[in-house]
Protein backbone atom coordinates (compact mmCIF):
# COMPACT_ATOMS: atom_id res chain seq x y z
CA GLY A 1 69.02 107.34 72.35
CA ARG A 2 72.69 108.01 72.22
CA LYS A 3 75.12 105.34 71.03
CA THR A 4 77.24 103.72 73.71
CA LYS A 5 80.90 104.62 74.05
CA LEU A 6 81.86 100.95 74.34
CA THR A 7 81.12 98.19 71.84
CA GLU A 8 79.51 94.86 72.74
CA LYS A 9 82.91 93.19 72.56
CA GLN A 10 84.33 95.78 74.98
CA PHE A 11 81.41 95.19 77.37
CA GLN A 12 82.19 91.46 77.37
CA GLN A 13 85.87 92.22 78.01
CA LEU A 14 84.86 94.51 80.87
CA LYS A 15 82.69 91.78 82.39
CA GLU A 16 85.58 89.32 82.24
CA ASN A 17 87.91 91.91 83.83
CA ILE A 18 85.43 92.56 86.65
CA ILE A 19 85.22 88.84 87.39
CA ASN A 20 88.93 88.07 87.02
CA LYS A 21 90.15 91.07 89.01
CA GLN A 22 87.29 90.75 91.53
CA LEU A 23 86.27 94.39 91.26
CA THR A 24 83.52 95.15 93.76
CA SER A 25 82.95 98.90 93.74
CA VAL A 26 81.81 101.48 91.22
CA ARG A 27 85.08 103.34 91.76
CA GLU A 28 87.16 100.27 90.87
CA VAL A 29 85.09 99.59 87.74
CA LYS A 30 85.31 103.25 86.72
CA HIS A 31 89.10 103.13 87.04
CA GLU A 32 89.22 99.89 85.02
CA ILE A 33 87.14 101.39 82.18
CA LEU A 34 89.35 104.47 82.09
CA LYS A 35 92.56 102.41 82.14
CA GLU A 36 91.45 99.70 79.69
CA PHE A 37 89.29 101.62 77.20
CA ASP A 38 90.19 105.30 77.85
CA VAL A 39 86.51 106.20 78.30
CA ILE A 40 84.98 108.27 81.11
CA TYR A 41 81.56 107.39 82.54
CA SER A 42 79.70 108.91 85.47
CA ASP A 43 79.19 106.85 88.62
CA ARG A 44 75.49 106.60 87.85
CA GLN A 45 76.14 105.27 84.36
CA ILE A 46 78.61 102.72 85.70
CA ARG A 47 75.93 101.44 88.08
CA ARG A 48 73.61 101.02 85.09
CA ILE A 49 76.32 99.24 83.08
CA MET A 50 77.07 96.86 85.96
CA LYS A 51 73.36 96.06 86.31
CA GLN A 52 73.15 95.47 82.55
CA LEU A 53 76.12 93.08 82.77
CA GLY A 54 74.33 91.07 85.46
CA PHE A 55 76.01 92.39 88.59
CA GLY A 56 73.84 93.41 91.51
CA TYR A 57 74.13 95.11 94.82
CA GLY A 58 75.29 93.17 97.82
CA LYS A 59 78.15 92.92 100.22
CA PRO A 60 80.89 90.70 98.83
CA TYR A 61 81.64 87.78 101.10
CA ILE A 62 83.81 84.68 101.04
CA ILE A 63 81.97 81.40 100.69
CA PRO A 64 83.44 79.00 103.25
CA ALA A 65 84.89 75.72 102.08
CA GLU A 66 82.86 72.60 102.69
CA ALA A 67 83.34 70.91 106.02
CA PRO A 68 85.03 67.51 106.05
CA GLU A 69 82.76 64.46 106.28
CA ASP A 70 83.92 63.68 109.82
CA ALA A 71 83.51 67.25 111.07
CA ILE A 72 81.20 66.21 113.91
CA GLU A 73 83.73 63.66 115.18
CA GLN A 74 86.55 66.21 115.00
CA LEU A 75 84.42 68.71 116.92
CA LYS A 76 83.66 66.15 119.64
CA LYS A 77 87.38 65.36 120.01
CA THR A 78 88.31 69.02 120.46
CA GLN A 79 85.50 69.63 122.98
CA LYS A 80 86.74 66.83 125.29
CA GLU A 81 90.25 68.23 125.42
């Protein structure tokens, strides 16, 4: 096959950038690769790269913080008022 345009070190840098900048779409990753490494990939190839780096498909969501230990008591207090 053809050699990749990015080196292994660049792929690791890209993975760190995706995590740190919280990039969630192919378009954002494509823009980051162009800006950071001056390399153009197709959308399809970027999907393959993201899969190779361990990223999958799924809607990004915020994980809620843990509830306080006395959450039930607080809920009971607010329901009475």
